[in-house]
N, C-alpha and C. Protein backbone atom coordinates (compact mmCIF):
# COMPACT_ATOMS: atom_id res chain seq x y z
N UNK A 1 -0.15 -86.36 -10.07
CA UNK A 1 1.17 -86.82 -9.43
C UNK A 1 0.94 -88.14 -8.21
N UNK A 2 0.16 -87.51 -7.53
CA UNK A 2 0.18 -88.41 -6.29
C UNK A 2 -0.30 -89.91 -6.46
N UNK A 3 -1.41 -90.00 -7.78
CA UNK A 3 -1.59 -91.06 -7.54
C UNK A 3 -0.97 -91.84 -8.77
N UNK A 4 0.30 -91.14 -9.59
CA UNK A 4 1.27 -91.80 -10.38
C UNK A 4 2.28 -92.41 -10.01
N UNK A 5 2.78 -91.85 -8.56
CA UNK A 5 3.13 -92.48 -7.35
C UNK A 5 2.75 -94.33 -7.28
N UNK A 6 2.05 -93.98 -6.69
CA UNK A 6 1.22 -95.18 -6.47
C UNK A 6 0.95 -96.17 -8.14
N UNK A 7 0.53 -95.74 -8.69
CA UNK A 7 0.23 -96.28 -10.34
C UNK A 7 1.80 -97.21 -10.78
N UNK A 8 2.70 -96.25 -10.25
CA UNK A 8 3.91 -96.84 -10.76
C UNK A 8 5.26 -97.34 -9.89
N UNK A 9 4.32 -97.86 -8.84
CA UNK A 9 5.02 -98.70 -7.59
C UNK A 9 5.22 -99.80 -7.89
N UNK A 10 6.78 -100.40 -7.83
CA UNK A 10 6.99 -101.90 -7.87
C UNK A 10 6.11 -102.56 -6.86
N UNK A 11 4.92 -102.92 -6.92
CA UNK A 11 3.62 -103.86 -6.44
C UNK A 11 3.02 -105.16 -7.15
N UNK A 12 3.31 -105.98 -7.39
CA UNK A 12 1.89 -106.84 -7.94
C UNK A 12 0.69 -106.28 -8.49
N UNK A 13 -0.16 -106.39 -8.85
CA UNK A 13 -1.00 -105.95 -9.76
C UNK A 13 -2.29 -105.80 -8.43
N UNK A 14 -2.50 -107.18 -7.71
CA UNK A 14 -3.16 -106.98 -6.65
C UNK A 14 -2.89 -105.88 -4.98
N UNK A 15 -1.83 -105.64 -5.21
CA UNK A 15 -1.34 -104.83 -4.26
C UNK A 15 -1.67 -103.70 -4.76
N UNK A 16 -1.37 -103.35 -6.10
CA UNK A 16 -0.94 -101.69 -6.82
C UNK A 16 -2.63 -101.42 -6.21
N UNK A 17 -3.46 -102.71 -6.92
CA UNK A 17 -5.13 -102.16 -6.97
C UNK A 17 -5.42 -102.26 -5.23
N UNK A 18 -4.98 -102.45 -4.12
CA UNK A 18 -5.25 -102.17 -2.76
C UNK A 18 -4.36 -100.50 -2.28
N UNK A 19 -3.47 -100.84 -2.76
CA UNK A 19 -2.94 -99.45 -2.77
C UNK A 19 -3.78 -98.12 -3.23
N UNK A 20 -4.12 -98.15 -4.31
CA UNK A 20 -4.65 -97.59 -4.85
C UNK A 20 -6.33 -97.15 -4.64
N UNK A 21 -6.53 -98.22 -3.85
CA UNK A 21 -8.06 -97.98 -2.87
C UNK A 21 -8.01 -97.02 -1.95
N UNK A 22 -6.89 -97.43 -1.10
CA UNK A 22 -6.53 -97.04 0.15
C UNK A 22 -6.50 -95.67 -0.68
N UNK A 23 -5.66 -95.29 -1.24
CA UNK A 23 -5.22 -93.47 -1.26
C UNK A 23 -6.80 -93.19 -1.72
N UNK A 24 -7.30 -93.69 -2.76
CA UNK A 24 -9.21 -93.01 -2.88
C UNK A 24 -9.84 -92.93 -1.88
N UNK A 25 -9.80 -94.02 -0.69
CA UNK A 25 -10.86 -93.93 0.27
C UNK A 25 -10.47 -92.67 1.20
N UNK A 26 -8.82 -93.41 1.31
CA UNK A 26 -8.86 -91.74 2.82
C UNK A 26 -8.55 -90.74 2.07
N UNK A 27 -8.39 -90.25 1.25
CA UNK A 27 -8.36 -88.62 0.24
C UNK A 27 -10.02 -88.40 0.55
N UNK A 28 -11.27 -89.47 -0.19
CA UNK A 28 -12.40 -88.97 -0.22
C UNK A 28 -12.66 -88.58 0.91
N UNK A 29 -12.19 -88.96 2.07
CA UNK A 29 -12.71 -88.72 3.43
C UNK A 29 -12.03 -87.75 3.88
N UNK A 30 -11.13 -86.63 3.42
CA UNK A 30 -10.00 -85.75 4.06
C UNK A 30 -10.17 -84.42 2.38
N UNK A 31 -10.53 -85.03 1.21
CA UNK A 31 -10.30 -84.00 0.25
C UNK A 31 -11.04 -82.34 1.09
N UNK A 32 -12.01 -82.64 1.42
CA UNK A 32 -13.01 -81.13 2.15
C UNK A 32 -11.70 -79.93 2.86
N UNK A 33 -10.89 -80.54 3.63
CA UNK A 33 -10.44 -79.86 4.06
C UNK A 33 -9.36 -78.87 3.33
N UNK A 34 -9.11 -79.23 2.15
CA UNK A 34 -8.42 -78.65 1.13
C UNK A 34 -8.53 -77.88 0.09
N UNK A 35 -8.78 -76.78 0.24
CA UNK A 35 -9.30 -75.61 -1.19
C UNK A 35 -8.17 -75.40 -2.09
N UNK A 36 -6.96 -74.80 -1.83
CA UNK A 36 -6.35 -74.19 -2.77
C UNK A 36 -5.37 -75.57 -3.75
N UNK A 37 -4.95 -75.32 -4.91
CA UNK A 37 -4.86 -76.00 -5.65
C UNK A 37 -3.39 -76.43 -4.82
N UNK A 38 -2.26 -75.66 -4.89
CA UNK A 38 -0.94 -76.05 -4.40
C UNK A 38 -1.36 -77.14 -2.66
N UNK A 39 -2.58 -76.66 -1.69
CA UNK A 39 -2.20 -77.28 -0.72
C UNK A 39 -2.56 -78.67 -1.26
N UNK A 40 -3.66 -79.30 -2.18
CA UNK A 40 -4.12 -80.40 -2.68
C UNK A 40 -3.10 -80.94 -3.25
N UNK A 41 -2.37 -80.93 -3.61
CA UNK A 41 -1.63 -81.37 -4.29
C UNK A 41 -0.41 -82.10 -3.40
N UNK A 42 -0.10 -80.96 -2.39
CA UNK A 42 0.98 -81.29 -1.65
C UNK A 42 0.33 -82.33 -0.63
N UNK A 43 -0.92 -82.24 -0.32
CA UNK A 43 -1.27 -83.62 0.57
C UNK A 43 -1.67 -84.53 -0.05
N UNK A 44 -2.09 -84.24 -1.45
CA UNK A 44 -2.35 -85.68 -2.04
C UNK A 44 -0.92 -86.18 -1.97
N UNK A 45 -0.01 -85.73 -2.31
CA UNK A 45 1.51 -86.57 -2.61
C UNK A 45 2.10 -86.66 -1.09
N UNK A 46 2.01 -86.19 0.06
CA UNK A 46 2.02 -86.77 1.07
C UNK A 46 1.10 -88.12 1.42
N UNK A 47 -0.35 -87.84 1.06
CA UNK A 47 -1.00 -89.15 1.28
C UNK A 47 -0.17 -90.45 0.71
N UNK A 48 -0.16 -90.04 -0.27
CA UNK A 48 0.94 -91.42 -1.72
C UNK A 48 1.89 -91.87 -1.12
N UNK A 49 2.73 -91.03 -0.17
CA UNK A 49 4.16 -91.45 0.53
C UNK A 49 3.73 -92.13 1.60
N UNK A 50 3.01 -91.81 2.35
CA UNK A 50 2.39 -92.57 3.21
C UNK A 50 2.08 -93.65 3.08
N UNK A 51 1.26 -93.98 2.35
CA UNK A 51 0.52 -95.32 2.02
C UNK A 51 1.92 -96.45 1.30
N UNK A 52 2.29 -95.67 0.30
CA UNK A 52 3.72 -96.53 -0.27
C UNK A 52 4.64 -96.60 1.18
N UNK A 53 4.95 -95.97 1.79
CA UNK A 53 5.74 -96.25 3.18
C UNK A 53 5.09 -97.67 3.87
N UNK A 54 3.96 -97.14 4.13
CA UNK A 54 3.34 -98.21 4.69
C UNK A 54 3.45 -99.18 3.74
N UNK A 55 3.20 -99.62 3.00
CA UNK A 55 3.23 -101.05 2.19
C UNK A 55 4.98 -101.38 2.33
N UNK A 56 5.89 -100.32 1.53
CA UNK A 56 6.96 -100.78 2.05
C UNK A 56 7.15 -101.66 3.12
N UNK A 57 6.34 -100.98 4.06
CA UNK A 57 6.67 -101.52 5.66
C UNK A 57 5.93 -103.24 5.59
N UNK A 58 5.66 -103.42 4.87
CA UNK A 58 5.04 -105.01 4.47
C UNK A 58 3.20 -104.32 4.87
N UNK A 59 2.85 -103.47 5.05
CA UNK A 59 1.40 -103.50 5.63
C UNK A 59 0.75 -103.99 4.18
N UNK A 60 -0.32 -105.04 4.15
CA UNK A 60 -1.29 -105.34 3.67
C UNK A 60 -2.56 -105.14 3.43
N UNK A 61 -3.03 -105.60 5.01
CA UNK A 61 -4.49 -105.34 4.90
C UNK A 61 -5.00 -103.72 5.05
N UNK A 62 -6.56 -103.58 4.17
CA UNK A 62 -6.29 -102.51 3.71
C UNK A 62 -7.17 -101.32 4.65
N UNK A 63 -7.89 -102.14 5.78
CA UNK A 63 -8.23 -101.64 6.79
C UNK A 63 -7.46 -100.62 7.40
N UNK A 64 -6.79 -101.66 7.79
CA UNK A 64 -5.39 -101.21 8.94
C UNK A 64 -4.72 -99.99 8.20
N UNK A 65 -4.28 -100.44 6.86
CA UNK A 65 -3.49 -99.37 5.96
C UNK A 65 -4.48 -98.07 6.21
N UNK A 66 -5.67 -97.53 5.77
CA UNK A 66 -6.42 -96.72 5.69
C UNK A 66 -6.31 -96.19 6.98
N UNK A 67 -6.69 -96.63 8.28
CA UNK A 67 -6.57 -96.34 9.31
C UNK A 67 -4.92 -95.25 9.68
N UNK A 68 -4.37 -96.36 9.44
CA UNK A 68 -2.63 -95.98 9.64
C UNK A 68 -2.00 -94.37 8.66
N UNK A 69 -2.96 -94.65 7.37
CA UNK A 69 -2.93 -93.28 6.45
C UNK A 69 -3.27 -92.11 6.97
N UNK A 70 -4.58 -92.34 7.78
CA UNK A 70 -5.15 -91.13 8.82
C UNK A 70 -4.64 -90.92 9.46
N UNK A 71 -3.83 -90.91 10.25
CA UNK A 71 -3.37 -90.98 11.81
C UNK A 71 -1.98 -90.52 11.03
N UNK A 72 -1.35 -90.87 10.28
CA UNK A 72 -0.01 -90.59 9.83
C UNK A 72 -0.47 -89.59 8.93
N UNK A 73 -1.39 -88.86 8.31
CA UNK A 73 -1.54 -87.87 7.64
C UNK A 73 -1.96 -86.73 8.81
N UNK A 74 -2.97 -87.13 9.82
CA UNK A 74 -2.93 -85.86 11.06
C UNK A 74 -1.90 -85.92 11.81
N UNK A 75 -1.04 -86.51 12.53
CA UNK A 75 0.28 -86.38 12.75
C UNK A 75 1.24 -85.39 12.11
N UNK A 76 1.32 -85.55 10.75
CA UNK A 76 2.00 -85.02 9.36
C UNK A 76 1.47 -83.90 9.72
N UNK A 77 0.38 -83.57 9.81
CA UNK A 77 -0.17 -82.14 9.84
C UNK A 77 -0.23 -81.38 10.86
N UNK A 78 -0.13 -82.00 12.13
CA UNK A 78 -0.46 -81.32 12.93
C UNK A 78 1.32 -81.18 13.25
N UNK A 79 2.41 -82.03 13.28
CA UNK A 79 3.99 -81.42 13.57
C UNK A 79 4.26 -80.54 12.40
N UNK A 80 3.44 -80.45 11.19
CA UNK A 80 4.08 -79.45 10.37
C UNK A 80 3.60 -78.11 11.02
N UNK A 81 2.40 -77.71 11.10
CA UNK A 81 1.28 -76.73 11.32
C UNK A 81 2.22 -75.86 12.47
N UNK A 82 2.67 -74.87 12.12
CA UNK A 82 3.04 -73.98 13.16
C UNK A 82 2.57 -73.39 14.61
N UNK A 83 2.21 -73.51 15.71
CA UNK A 83 1.81 -72.98 16.84
C UNK A 83 2.07 -71.52 16.64
N UNK A 84 1.41 -70.99 17.73
CA UNK A 84 0.83 -69.32 17.53
C UNK A 84 2.59 -69.74 17.81
N UNK A 85 3.46 -68.32 17.48
CA UNK A 85 4.36 -67.29 17.50
C UNK A 85 5.58 -69.18 17.44
N UNK A 86 5.61 -70.15 16.66
CA UNK A 86 7.11 -71.07 16.30
C UNK A 86 6.86 -71.32 14.99
N UNK A 87 7.53 -71.46 14.34
CA UNK A 87 8.29 -71.96 13.20
C UNK A 87 7.33 -73.30 13.20
N UNK A 88 7.07 -73.91 11.43
CA UNK A 88 7.02 -74.93 11.85
C UNK A 88 7.88 -76.36 11.91
N UNK A 89 7.06 -77.56 12.70
CA UNK A 89 8.01 -78.64 12.74
C UNK A 89 8.55 -79.15 11.56
N UNK A 90 9.17 -80.43 11.35
CA UNK A 90 9.04 -81.30 10.71
C UNK A 90 8.61 -82.51 10.90
N UNK A 91 8.23 -83.32 10.06
CA UNK A 91 7.89 -85.17 10.49
C UNK A 91 8.91 -85.80 10.54
N UNK A 92 9.35 -86.19 11.70
CA UNK A 92 10.49 -87.00 11.78
C UNK A 92 10.19 -88.09 12.06
N UNK A 93 11.62 -89.33 12.36
CA UNK A 93 11.10 -90.60 12.86
C UNK A 93 10.82 -90.90 13.60
N UNK A 94 11.18 -89.24 14.86
CA UNK A 94 11.32 -89.05 16.21
C UNK A 94 9.90 -89.11 16.51
N UNK A 95 9.36 -88.09 15.67
CA UNK A 95 7.66 -87.57 16.03
C UNK A 95 6.64 -88.51 15.59
N UNK A 96 7.33 -89.61 14.70
CA UNK A 96 6.35 -90.98 14.20
C UNK A 96 6.26 -91.79 15.51
N UNK A 97 7.36 -92.23 16.11
CA UNK A 97 8.00 -93.18 17.25
C UNK A 97 6.79 -93.38 18.27
N UNK A 98 6.14 -92.61 17.95
CA UNK A 98 4.88 -92.67 19.90
C UNK A 98 3.62 -92.70 18.96
N UNK A 99 3.40 -92.89 17.53
CA UNK A 99 2.04 -92.90 17.35
C UNK A 99 1.47 -94.40 17.33
N UNK A 100 0.52 -94.70 17.47
CA UNK A 100 0.11 -96.39 18.36
C UNK A 100 -1.27 -96.31 16.98
N UNK A 101 -1.28 -97.81 16.49
CA UNK A 101 -2.21 -97.76 15.40
C UNK A 101 -3.02 -99.10 15.91
């Protein structure tokens, strides 16, 4: 499903190719961190959503997109991972606003 989110997005063919490459490259780097099928699907969908969000914001540089996607994935997972004794948090605009790229 994650790849189909990118494949069916409304962008010109060159941009779709770049988005697909960014997704594939970043996923290759982080895929080994996930083993359960449900978690893999969730993380792939998060990555696709992040990449599409970057594209919606006007990002078209492949290297920058991959760097931002990696940072946003790490931040999203950190924000949603519960600390000892705490419930999981949610990634919000407020938690994303302090990120530096």
